[in-house]
């Protein structure tokens, strides 16, 4: 398959979290549009040691994440909104990308980054969305115009399906915009 590589980063250490389910659904939409995808979900993020640029060097997981972002044509980042900002495991994953600082294109340089926020309230979703946009700009990425801020309460049914068509549409929009910008960049 030769479509763009879209890397999904996010979730929580809790198995089956709403955040990770939303990310997986967005990645499925990207696959439907021709993308190759790679998921770094909550279980993977929990294995990442706290980022420390010391002499010990990166762990195998840290190196794997950094390499995937280097190869990515686009990113979809998903985090729960905790106290108005992103979760610690997602922030640690982003800090890990400091491993790319000396690359010709460090961090998210020139890559579209779609954002998914899950939170139990509208205020946490909005403030977290703005915080993540700021981080993406600092990491030289292009936050997509649309970011999904979803109410996590009752977001998915027992089978893991999204309950509300409006939420499905939000996740699809995030995936479509990442794909659109990744394809535009590839065409230049």
N, C-alpha and C. Protein backbone atom coordinates (compact mmCIF):
# COMPACT_ATOMS: atom_id res chain seq x y z
N UNK A 1 0.84 -1.18 0.00
CA UNK A 1 0.00 0.00 0.00
C UNK A 1 0.88 1.24 0.00
N UNK A 2 0.55 2.23 -0.80
CA UNK A 2 1.43 3.38 -0.94
C UNK A 2 0.81 4.69 -0.48
N UNK A 3 -0.31 4.64 0.20
CA UNK A 3 -0.94 5.87 0.69
C UNK A 3 -0.10 6.51 1.78
N UNK A 4 -0.50 7.72 2.19
CA UNK A 4 0.25 8.41 3.24
C UNK A 4 0.20 7.63 4.55
N UNK A 5 1.26 7.75 5.33
CA UNK A 5 1.31 7.13 6.65
C UNK A 5 0.77 8.11 7.67
N UNK A 6 -0.30 7.72 8.34
CA UNK A 6 -0.90 8.52 9.40
C UNK A 6 -0.64 7.80 10.72
N UNK A 7 0.04 8.47 11.62
CA UNK A 7 0.37 7.91 12.92
C UNK A 7 -0.60 8.45 13.96
N UNK A 8 -1.22 7.54 14.69
CA UNK A 8 -2.11 7.91 15.78
C UNK A 8 -1.40 7.78 17.11
N UNK A 9 -1.45 8.83 17.91
CA UNK A 9 -0.81 8.84 19.23
C UNK A 9 -1.87 9.24 20.23
N UNK A 10 -2.14 8.39 21.21
CA UNK A 10 -3.08 8.80 22.25
C UNK A 10 -3.77 7.66 22.94
N UNK A 11 -4.58 8.04 23.88
CA UNK A 11 -5.30 7.08 24.69
C UNK A 11 -4.94 7.29 26.14
N UNK A 12 -5.32 6.33 26.94
CA UNK A 12 -4.99 6.35 28.37
C UNK A 12 -4.53 4.95 28.73
N UNK A 13 -3.91 4.80 29.89
CA UNK A 13 -3.52 3.45 30.31
C UNK A 13 -4.70 2.51 30.54
N UNK A 14 -5.91 3.06 30.69
CA UNK A 14 -7.09 2.23 30.91
C UNK A 14 -7.47 1.54 29.61
N UNK A 15 -7.53 0.24 29.62
CA UNK A 15 -7.89 -0.54 28.45
C UNK A 15 -9.28 -0.15 27.96
N UNK A 16 -9.42 0.06 26.67
CA UNK A 16 -10.71 0.41 26.08
C UNK A 16 -11.17 1.81 26.37
N UNK A 17 -10.24 2.72 26.64
CA UNK A 17 -10.63 4.09 26.98
C UNK A 17 -11.37 4.76 25.82
N UNK A 18 -12.23 5.71 26.14
CA UNK A 18 -12.95 6.46 25.11
C UNK A 18 -11.99 7.18 24.19
N UNK A 19 -10.91 7.69 24.74
CA UNK A 19 -9.93 8.42 23.93
C UNK A 19 -9.31 7.51 22.88
N UNK A 20 -8.89 6.32 23.29
CA UNK A 20 -8.27 5.40 22.34
C UNK A 20 -9.28 4.89 21.33
N UNK A 21 -10.51 4.63 21.76
CA UNK A 21 -11.54 4.19 20.82
C UNK A 21 -11.80 5.27 19.77
N UNK A 22 -11.84 6.53 20.19
CA UNK A 22 -12.06 7.62 19.24
C UNK A 22 -10.89 7.71 18.26
N UNK A 23 -9.68 7.55 18.75
CA UNK A 23 -8.50 7.58 17.88
C UNK A 23 -8.55 6.44 16.87
N UNK A 24 -8.89 5.26 17.31
CA UNK A 24 -8.97 4.11 16.41
C UNK A 24 -10.02 4.35 15.33
N UNK A 25 -11.15 4.92 15.71
CA UNK A 25 -12.19 5.22 14.72
C UNK A 25 -11.70 6.23 13.69
N UNK A 26 -11.00 7.26 14.14
CA UNK A 26 -10.44 8.25 13.20
C UNK A 26 -9.42 7.60 12.28
N UNK A 27 -8.58 6.72 12.82
CA UNK A 27 -7.60 6.03 11.97
C UNK A 27 -8.29 5.13 10.95
N UNK A 28 -9.40 4.52 11.32
CA UNK A 28 -10.17 3.71 10.36
C UNK A 28 -10.68 4.58 9.22
N UNK A 29 -11.12 5.78 9.53
CA UNK A 29 -11.58 6.70 8.48
C UNK A 29 -10.41 7.06 7.56
N UNK A 30 -9.23 7.27 8.13
CA UNK A 30 -8.05 7.57 7.31
C UNK A 30 -7.71 6.39 6.42
N UNK A 31 -7.81 5.17 6.97
CA UNK A 31 -7.56 3.97 6.16
C UNK A 31 -8.56 3.88 5.01
N UNK A 32 -9.80 4.20 5.29
CA UNK A 32 -10.83 4.19 4.26
C UNK A 32 -10.55 5.18 3.14
N UNK A 33 -9.78 6.21 3.46
CA UNK A 33 -9.41 7.21 2.46
C UNK A 33 -8.06 6.89 1.82
N UNK A 34 -7.51 5.69 2.12
CA UNK A 34 -6.28 5.25 1.46
C UNK A 34 -5.02 5.33 2.28
N UNK A 35 -5.11 5.66 3.56
CA UNK A 35 -3.91 5.80 4.39
C UNK A 35 -3.41 4.45 4.89
N UNK A 36 -2.14 4.41 5.13
CA UNK A 36 -1.53 3.38 5.97
C UNK A 36 -1.54 3.99 7.38
N UNK A 37 -1.79 3.22 8.41
CA UNK A 37 -1.85 3.79 9.75
C UNK A 37 -1.01 2.99 10.73
N UNK A 38 -0.60 3.68 11.77
CA UNK A 38 0.13 3.05 12.87
C UNK A 38 -0.38 3.68 14.15
N UNK A 39 -0.76 2.85 15.11
CA UNK A 39 -1.32 3.30 16.38
C UNK A 39 -0.32 3.16 17.51
N UNK A 40 -0.16 4.23 18.27
CA UNK A 40 0.57 4.21 19.53
C UNK A 40 -0.46 4.56 20.60
N UNK A 41 -1.14 3.52 21.11
CA UNK A 41 -2.23 3.69 22.05
C UNK A 41 -1.75 3.73 23.50
N UNK A 42 -2.73 3.73 24.38
CA UNK A 42 -2.46 3.88 25.80
C UNK A 42 -1.51 2.85 26.38
N UNK A 43 -1.66 1.60 25.97
CA UNK A 43 -0.77 0.55 26.49
C UNK A 43 0.68 0.84 26.11
N UNK A 44 0.90 1.28 24.86
CA UNK A 44 2.26 1.62 24.42
C UNK A 44 2.76 2.85 25.18
N UNK A 45 1.92 3.88 25.28
CA UNK A 45 2.33 5.13 25.92
C UNK A 45 2.71 4.90 27.39
N UNK A 46 2.00 3.98 28.03
CA UNK A 46 2.29 3.70 29.43
C UNK A 46 3.68 3.07 29.60
N UNK A 47 4.17 2.40 28.58
CA UNK A 47 5.49 1.76 28.64
C UNK A 47 6.64 2.75 28.43
N UNK A 48 6.33 3.92 27.90
CA UNK A 48 7.39 4.90 27.67
C UNK A 48 7.94 5.39 29.01
N UNK A 49 9.25 5.34 29.20
CA UNK A 49 9.79 5.93 30.42
C UNK A 49 9.65 7.45 30.36
N UNK A 50 9.67 8.08 31.52
CA UNK A 50 9.66 9.55 31.50
C UNK A 50 10.84 10.00 30.66
N UNK A 51 10.59 10.98 29.79
CA UNK A 51 11.65 11.40 28.89
C UNK A 51 12.79 12.01 29.70
N UNK A 52 13.99 11.51 29.44
CA UNK A 52 15.20 12.00 30.07
C UNK A 52 16.30 11.93 29.02
N UNK A 53 16.76 13.10 28.56
CA UNK A 53 17.76 13.09 27.49
C UNK A 53 19.16 12.73 27.96
N UNK A 54 19.27 12.04 29.06
CA UNK A 54 20.56 11.69 29.64
C UNK A 54 21.37 10.72 28.80
N UNK A 55 22.51 10.35 29.32
CA UNK A 55 23.46 9.52 28.55
C UNK A 55 22.99 8.08 28.30
N UNK A 56 21.97 7.61 28.99
CA UNK A 56 21.52 6.23 28.80
C UNK A 56 20.92 6.01 27.42
N UNK A 57 20.48 7.07 26.78
CA UNK A 57 19.89 6.94 25.44
C UNK A 57 18.44 6.52 25.52
N UNK A 58 17.77 6.54 24.38
CA UNK A 58 16.35 6.22 24.38
C UNK A 58 16.09 4.73 24.55
N UNK A 59 14.91 4.42 25.10
CA UNK A 59 14.47 3.03 25.17
C UNK A 59 14.04 2.61 23.77
N UNK A 60 13.84 1.31 23.59
CA UNK A 60 13.37 0.81 22.29
C UNK A 60 12.03 1.43 21.92
N UNK A 61 11.14 1.60 22.91
CA UNK A 61 9.82 2.21 22.64
C UNK A 61 9.97 3.68 22.25
N UNK A 62 10.83 4.40 22.93
CA UNK A 62 11.05 5.81 22.59
C UNK A 62 11.59 5.94 21.17
N UNK A 63 12.54 5.10 20.82
CA UNK A 63 13.11 5.14 19.47
C UNK A 63 12.06 4.78 18.43
N UNK A 64 11.19 3.80 18.73
CA UNK A 64 10.14 3.41 17.80
C UNK A 64 9.16 4.55 17.54
N UNK A 65 8.75 5.23 18.60
CA UNK A 65 7.83 6.36 18.45
C UNK A 65 8.47 7.47 17.62
N UNK A 66 9.69 7.83 17.95
CA UNK A 66 10.38 8.90 17.21
C UNK A 66 10.52 8.54 15.73
N UNK A 67 10.87 7.29 15.43
CA UNK A 67 11.03 6.87 14.04
C UNK A 67 9.70 6.92 13.29
N UNK A 68 8.64 6.50 13.93
CA UNK A 68 7.32 6.53 13.29
C UNK A 68 6.91 7.96 12.96
N UNK A 69 7.17 8.89 13.85
CA UNK A 69 6.83 10.29 13.59
C UNK A 69 7.70 10.85 12.47
N UNK A 70 8.96 10.45 12.42
CA UNK A 70 9.82 10.87 11.31
C UNK A 70 9.24 10.44 9.97
N UNK A 71 8.72 9.22 9.92
CA UNK A 71 8.21 8.65 8.68
C UNK A 71 6.79 9.09 8.35
N UNK A 72 6.09 9.63 9.32
CA UNK A 72 4.67 9.96 9.15
C UNK A 72 4.46 11.10 8.17
N UNK A 73 3.36 11.00 7.43
CA UNK A 73 2.91 12.09 6.58
C UNK A 73 1.89 12.95 7.31
N UNK A 74 1.31 12.41 8.36
CA UNK A 74 0.34 13.13 9.18
C UNK A 74 0.18 12.42 10.51
N UNK A 75 -0.35 13.14 11.48
CA UNK A 75 -0.51 12.64 12.84
C UNK A 75 -1.96 12.89 13.26
N UNK A 76 -2.51 11.95 14.01
CA UNK A 76 -3.75 12.22 14.74
C UNK A 76 -3.42 12.00 16.21
N UNK A 77 -3.62 13.06 16.98
CA UNK A 77 -3.27 13.07 18.39
C UNK A 77 -4.56 13.08 19.20
N UNK A 78 -4.70 12.14 20.14
CA UNK A 78 -5.91 12.05 20.96
C UNK A 78 -5.54 12.03 22.43
N UNK A 79 -6.21 12.86 23.20
CA UNK A 79 -5.95 12.92 24.63
C UNK A 79 -7.23 13.20 25.40
N UNK A 80 -7.32 12.65 26.60
CA UNK A 80 -8.40 13.10 27.46
C UNK A 80 -8.07 14.50 27.97
N UNK A 81 -9.10 15.24 28.28
CA UNK A 81 -8.91 16.55 28.89
C UNK A 81 -8.87 16.40 30.40
N UNK A 82 -7.71 16.55 30.98
CA UNK A 82 -7.55 16.47 32.42
C UNK A 82 -7.24 17.86 32.96
N UNK A 83 -8.16 18.42 33.71
CA UNK A 83 -7.95 19.70 34.38
C UNK A 83 -7.53 20.80 33.39
N UNK A 84 -8.15 20.78 32.22
CA UNK A 84 -7.90 21.82 31.23
C UNK A 84 -6.70 21.61 30.35
N UNK A 85 -6.09 20.44 30.41
CA UNK A 85 -4.93 20.19 29.56
C UNK A 85 -4.86 18.71 29.21
N UNK A 86 -3.80 18.34 28.51
CA UNK A 86 -3.64 16.97 28.06
C UNK A 86 -3.15 16.06 29.17
N UNK A 87 -3.27 14.77 28.96
CA UNK A 87 -2.86 13.80 29.97
C UNK A 87 -1.34 13.69 30.04
N UNK A 88 -0.87 13.17 31.16
CA UNK A 88 0.57 13.00 31.36
C UNK A 88 1.20 12.03 30.39
N UNK A 89 0.52 10.91 30.07
CA UNK A 89 1.13 9.94 29.16
C UNK A 89 1.25 10.50 27.75
N UNK A 90 0.29 11.30 27.33
CA UNK A 90 0.37 11.91 25.99
C UNK A 90 1.46 12.99 25.99
N UNK A 91 1.53 13.78 27.05
CA UNK A 91 2.57 14.82 27.12
C UNK A 91 3.95 14.17 27.13
N UNK A 92 4.12 13.07 27.85
CA UNK A 92 5.40 12.39 27.86
C UNK A 92 5.77 11.87 26.47
N UNK A 93 4.78 11.38 25.71
CA UNK A 93 5.05 10.94 24.34
C UNK A 93 5.52 12.11 23.49
N UNK A 94 4.88 13.26 23.66
CA UNK A 94 5.31 14.44 22.90
C UNK A 94 6.70 14.89 23.33
N UNK A 95 6.98 14.84 24.62
CA UNK A 95 8.33 15.18 25.10
C UNK A 95 9.37 14.23 24.52
N UNK A 96 9.01 12.97 24.34
CA UNK A 96 9.91 11.98 23.76
C UNK A 96 10.36 12.38 22.36
N UNK A 97 9.50 13.12 21.66
CA UNK A 97 9.85 13.53 20.29
C UNK A 97 10.98 14.56 20.26
N UNK A 98 11.46 14.94 21.42
CA UNK A 98 12.68 15.74 21.49
C UNK A 98 13.85 14.97 20.87
N UNK A 99 13.70 13.65 20.78
CA UNK A 99 14.72 12.83 20.11
C UNK A 99 14.91 13.24 18.65
N UNK A 100 13.94 13.92 18.07
CA UNK A 100 14.02 14.33 16.66
C UNK A 100 14.57 15.75 16.49
N UNK A 101 14.96 16.40 17.57
CA UNK A 101 15.33 17.82 17.53
C UNK A 101 16.44 18.15 16.52
N UNK A 102 17.36 17.23 16.29
CA UNK A 102 18.47 17.50 15.37
C UNK A 102 18.18 17.02 13.94
N UNK A 103 16.99 16.49 13.71
CA UNK A 103 16.62 16.02 12.37
C UNK A 103 16.46 17.20 11.41
N UNK A 104 16.60 16.96 10.12
CA UNK A 104 16.34 18.02 9.15
C UNK A 104 14.91 18.59 9.28
N UNK A 105 13.96 17.73 9.62
CA UNK A 105 12.58 18.15 9.90
C UNK A 105 12.22 17.65 11.30
N UNK A 106 12.54 18.42 12.34
CA UNK A 106 12.30 17.95 13.70
C UNK A 106 10.82 17.97 14.09
N UNK A 107 10.52 17.21 15.11
CA UNK A 107 9.19 17.20 15.73
C UNK A 107 8.10 16.88 14.70
N UNK A 108 7.12 17.78 14.55
CA UNK A 108 6.03 17.62 13.58
C UNK A 108 6.23 18.55 12.38
N UNK A 109 7.44 18.98 12.13
CA UNK A 109 7.71 20.01 11.14
C UNK A 109 6.99 19.79 9.81
N UNK A 110 6.06 20.69 9.50
CA UNK A 110 5.35 20.67 8.23
C UNK A 110 4.30 19.58 8.09
N UNK A 111 3.99 18.87 9.17
CA UNK A 111 3.03 17.77 9.09
C UNK A 111 1.68 18.20 9.65
N UNK A 112 0.60 17.76 9.01
CA UNK A 112 -0.71 18.04 9.57
C UNK A 112 -0.95 17.18 10.81
N UNK A 113 -1.54 17.81 11.82
CA UNK A 113 -1.83 17.11 13.07
C UNK A 113 -3.29 17.34 13.41
N UNK A 114 -4.07 16.28 13.37
CA UNK A 114 -5.47 16.33 13.78
C UNK A 114 -5.56 16.10 15.28
N UNK A 115 -6.55 16.71 15.90
CA UNK A 115 -6.68 16.66 17.35
C UNK A 115 -8.04 16.09 17.74
N UNK A 116 -8.00 15.16 18.70
CA UNK A 116 -9.21 14.61 19.29
C UNK A 116 -9.08 14.77 20.81
N UNK A 117 -10.08 15.41 21.40
CA UNK A 117 -10.12 15.57 22.85
C UNK A 117 -11.37 14.86 23.36
N UNK A 118 -11.22 14.08 24.40
CA UNK A 118 -12.38 13.51 25.08
C UNK A 118 -12.37 14.05 26.50
N UNK A 119 -13.51 14.49 26.96
CA UNK A 119 -13.61 15.05 28.31
C UNK A 119 -15.04 14.90 28.81
N UNK A 120 -15.19 14.95 30.10
CA UNK A 120 -16.52 14.83 30.69
C UNK A 120 -17.26 16.15 30.75
N UNK A 121 -16.71 17.18 30.16
CA UNK A 121 -17.39 18.46 30.14
C UNK A 121 -16.89 19.34 29.02
N UNK A 122 -17.73 20.26 28.58
CA UNK A 122 -17.39 21.13 27.46
C UNK A 122 -16.20 22.03 27.76
N UNK A 123 -16.11 22.54 28.98
CA UNK A 123 -15.01 23.44 29.31
C UNK A 123 -13.67 22.74 29.22
N UNK A 124 -13.57 21.53 29.76
CA UNK A 124 -12.30 20.78 29.70
C UNK A 124 -11.93 20.47 28.26
N UNK A 125 -12.92 20.15 27.42
CA UNK A 125 -12.63 19.87 26.02
C UNK A 125 -12.08 21.08 25.30
N UNK A 126 -12.70 22.23 25.50
CA UNK A 126 -12.26 23.45 24.81
C UNK A 126 -10.89 23.92 25.25
N UNK A 127 -10.65 23.93 26.56
CA UNK A 127 -9.34 24.40 27.03
C UNK A 127 -8.23 23.43 26.64
N UNK A 128 -8.53 22.14 26.66
CA UNK A 128 -7.52 21.15 26.26
C UNK A 128 -7.22 21.28 24.77
N UNK A 129 -8.25 21.49 23.97
CA UNK A 129 -8.05 21.67 22.53
C UNK A 129 -7.11 22.84 22.26
N UNK A 130 -7.31 23.95 22.96
CA UNK A 130 -6.44 25.11 22.76
C UNK A 130 -5.01 24.82 23.24
N UNK A 131 -4.87 24.12 24.35
CA UNK A 131 -3.54 23.78 24.85
C UNK A 131 -2.79 22.89 23.86
N UNK A 132 -3.49 21.90 23.31
CA UNK A 132 -2.84 20.99 22.36
C UNK A 132 -2.48 21.72 21.08
N UNK A 133 -3.35 22.61 20.61
CA UNK A 133 -3.00 23.41 19.42
C UNK A 133 -1.70 24.19 19.64
N UNK A 134 -1.56 24.78 20.83
CA UNK A 134 -0.34 25.52 21.15
C UNK A 134 0.89 24.64 21.12
N UNK A 135 0.77 23.44 21.64
CA UNK A 135 1.89 22.49 21.64
C UNK A 135 2.26 22.10 20.21
N UNK A 136 1.25 21.85 19.38
CA UNK A 136 1.52 21.47 17.99
C UNK A 136 2.25 22.60 17.26
N UNK A 137 1.82 23.84 17.49
CA UNK A 137 2.53 24.97 16.88
C UNK A 137 3.98 25.01 17.37
N UNK A 138 4.19 24.81 18.66
CA UNK A 138 5.55 24.82 19.21
C UNK A 138 6.40 23.72 18.61
N UNK A 139 5.76 22.62 18.20
CA UNK A 139 6.47 21.50 17.59
C UNK A 139 6.49 21.59 16.07
N UNK A 140 6.16 22.77 15.54
CA UNK A 140 6.25 23.10 14.11
C UNK A 140 5.26 22.35 13.23
N UNK A 141 4.20 21.83 13.84
CA UNK A 141 3.18 21.11 13.08
C UNK A 141 2.07 22.04 12.63
N UNK A 142 1.21 21.52 11.78
CA UNK A 142 0.04 22.24 11.27
C UNK A 142 -1.20 21.65 11.92
N UNK A 143 -1.73 22.26 12.98
CA UNK A 143 -2.98 21.73 13.52
C UNK A 143 -4.08 21.90 12.47
N UNK A 144 -4.84 20.86 12.24
CA UNK A 144 -5.91 20.97 11.25
C UNK A 144 -6.94 22.00 11.72
N UNK A 145 -7.64 22.62 10.79
CA UNK A 145 -8.63 23.62 11.19
C UNK A 145 -9.68 23.06 12.15
N UNK A 146 -10.05 21.81 11.95
CA UNK A 146 -11.08 21.22 12.80
C UNK A 146 -10.45 20.31 13.84
N UNK A 147 -10.84 20.49 15.08
CA UNK A 147 -10.44 19.61 16.17
C UNK A 147 -11.69 19.08 16.84
N UNK A 148 -11.73 17.80 17.10
CA UNK A 148 -12.91 17.18 17.72
C UNK A 148 -12.79 17.24 19.24
N UNK A 149 -13.77 17.85 19.88
CA UNK A 149 -13.87 17.86 21.34
C UNK A 149 -15.14 17.11 21.69
N UNK A 150 -14.98 15.90 22.21
CA UNK A 150 -16.10 14.99 22.43
C UNK A 150 -16.40 14.81 23.91
N UNK A 151 -17.67 14.74 24.24
CA UNK A 151 -18.08 14.42 25.60
C UNK A 151 -17.89 12.92 25.80
N UNK A 152 -17.00 12.55 26.70
CA UNK A 152 -16.64 11.14 26.89
C UNK A 152 -17.76 10.32 27.53
N UNK A 153 -18.65 10.97 28.25
CA UNK A 153 -19.72 10.24 28.94
C UNK A 153 -20.65 9.60 27.91
N UNK A 154 -20.69 8.29 27.91
CA UNK A 154 -21.58 7.57 27.00
C UNK A 154 -21.21 7.66 25.54
N UNK A 155 -19.96 7.96 25.24
CA UNK A 155 -19.52 8.15 23.86
C UNK A 155 -19.62 6.86 23.05
N UNK A 156 -19.30 5.72 23.68
CA UNK A 156 -19.30 4.44 22.98
C UNK A 156 -20.23 3.46 23.68
N UNK A 157 -20.80 2.55 22.91
CA UNK A 157 -21.64 1.50 23.50
C UNK A 157 -20.76 0.33 23.93
N UNK A 158 -21.38 -0.70 24.47
CA UNK A 158 -20.65 -1.85 24.99
C UNK A 158 -19.84 -2.57 23.91
N UNK A 159 -20.28 -2.49 22.67
CA UNK A 159 -19.57 -3.13 21.56
C UNK A 159 -18.43 -2.27 21.02
N UNK A 160 -18.27 -1.06 21.58
CA UNK A 160 -17.20 -0.18 21.13
C UNK A 160 -17.56 0.73 19.98
N UNK A 161 -18.85 0.79 19.64
CA UNK A 161 -19.30 1.65 18.55
C UNK A 161 -19.71 3.01 19.09
N UNK A 162 -19.42 4.03 18.33
CA UNK A 162 -19.79 5.39 18.70
C UNK A 162 -21.31 5.52 18.66
N UNK A 163 -21.90 6.05 19.72
CA UNK A 163 -23.36 6.12 19.85
C UNK A 163 -24.00 7.21 19.00
N UNK A 164 -23.28 8.28 18.72
CA UNK A 164 -23.89 9.46 18.10
C UNK A 164 -23.25 9.74 16.74
N UNK A 165 -24.07 9.87 15.71
CA UNK A 165 -23.58 10.13 14.35
C UNK A 165 -22.81 11.45 14.28
N UNK A 166 -23.16 12.42 15.11
CA UNK A 166 -22.43 13.71 15.11
C UNK A 166 -20.99 13.51 15.55
N UNK A 167 -20.78 12.63 16.52
CA UNK A 167 -19.41 12.36 16.98
C UNK A 167 -18.63 11.58 15.93
N UNK A 168 -19.27 10.65 15.26
CA UNK A 168 -18.63 9.93 14.16
C UNK A 168 -18.21 10.93 13.09
N UNK A 169 -19.08 11.88 12.77
CA UNK A 169 -18.77 12.89 11.76
C UNK A 169 -17.59 13.75 12.18
N UNK A 170 -17.49 14.07 13.47
CA UNK A 170 -16.35 14.86 13.95
C UNK A 170 -15.03 14.10 13.74
N UNK A 171 -15.04 12.82 14.10
CA UNK A 171 -13.82 12.02 13.95
C UNK A 171 -13.46 11.84 12.48
N UNK A 172 -14.47 11.69 11.65
CA UNK A 172 -14.24 11.56 10.22
C UNK A 172 -13.65 12.86 9.66
N UNK A 173 -14.13 13.99 10.13
CA UNK A 173 -13.62 15.28 9.67
C UNK A 173 -12.15 15.45 10.04
N UNK A 174 -11.78 15.07 11.26
CA UNK A 174 -10.37 15.13 11.66
C UNK A 174 -9.53 14.29 10.71
N UNK A 175 -9.94 13.06 10.47
CA UNK A 175 -9.18 12.16 9.58
C UNK A 175 -9.11 12.72 8.16
N UNK A 176 -10.22 13.22 7.65
CA UNK A 176 -10.24 13.77 6.29
C UNK A 176 -9.31 14.95 6.15
N UNK A 177 -9.29 15.84 7.15
CA UNK A 177 -8.41 17.00 7.05
C UNK A 177 -6.94 16.61 7.12
N UNK A 178 -6.60 15.66 7.98
CA UNK A 178 -5.21 15.19 8.03
C UNK A 178 -4.82 14.59 6.68
N UNK A 179 -5.70 13.79 6.12
CA UNK A 179 -5.43 13.17 4.81
C UNK A 179 -5.30 14.24 3.72
N UNK A 180 -6.21 15.20 3.72
CA UNK A 180 -6.18 16.25 2.69
C UNK A 180 -4.86 17.00 2.73
N UNK A 181 -4.43 17.41 3.92
CA UNK A 181 -3.18 18.18 4.02
C UNK A 181 -1.96 17.30 3.74
N UNK A 182 -2.01 16.04 4.15
CA UNK A 182 -0.88 15.12 3.86
C UNK A 182 -0.76 14.92 2.36
N UNK A 183 -1.89 14.75 1.68
CA UNK A 183 -1.85 14.58 0.22
C UNK A 183 -1.41 15.85 -0.49
N UNK A 184 -1.83 17.01 0.00
CA UNK A 184 -1.38 18.28 -0.60
C UNK A 184 0.13 18.44 -0.45
N UNK A 185 0.65 18.11 0.73
CA UNK A 185 2.08 18.23 0.96
C UNK A 185 2.85 17.27 0.05
N UNK A 186 2.34 16.07 -0.12
CA UNK A 186 3.00 15.08 -0.98
C UNK A 186 3.02 15.51 -2.43
N UNK A 187 2.04 16.31 -2.84
CA UNK A 187 1.94 16.75 -4.23
C UNK A 187 2.92 17.89 -4.55
N UNK A 188 3.50 18.51 -3.53
CA UNK A 188 4.42 19.64 -3.77
C UNK A 188 5.84 19.18 -3.96
